[in-house]
């Protein structure tokens, strides 16, 4: 099964070279990485976990943003992340995906 999504993130470089990542369209979804490559991988994984959780709870997926909802600092970058959700499901079939408590109004 091949199912592709494109969601934006804001990557913020920290002192020491690590990155903090905010997944823009999924509230309270963030991750981090030791460097840009690691943060990029973690962002893809975070997005797939959120898609899984939304679908499991019957919540419609958010429409991807095309621009940030705030002014970015010099250390932040707005990046679109492409994920292959079907491939992620196959690769994590033996693992129990994170189920983060969610509420929506």
Foldseek 3Di string as FASTA:
>chain_A
DWDKDKAKWKWFADPQAKIKIGGQQQPPQIDIANHPVRRLVVVLLSVLLSVVQCVVVVHDGDDHDPDHPDDDDPRIDIDMRMYGNVVVCVVCVVPDRDHDDDDDD
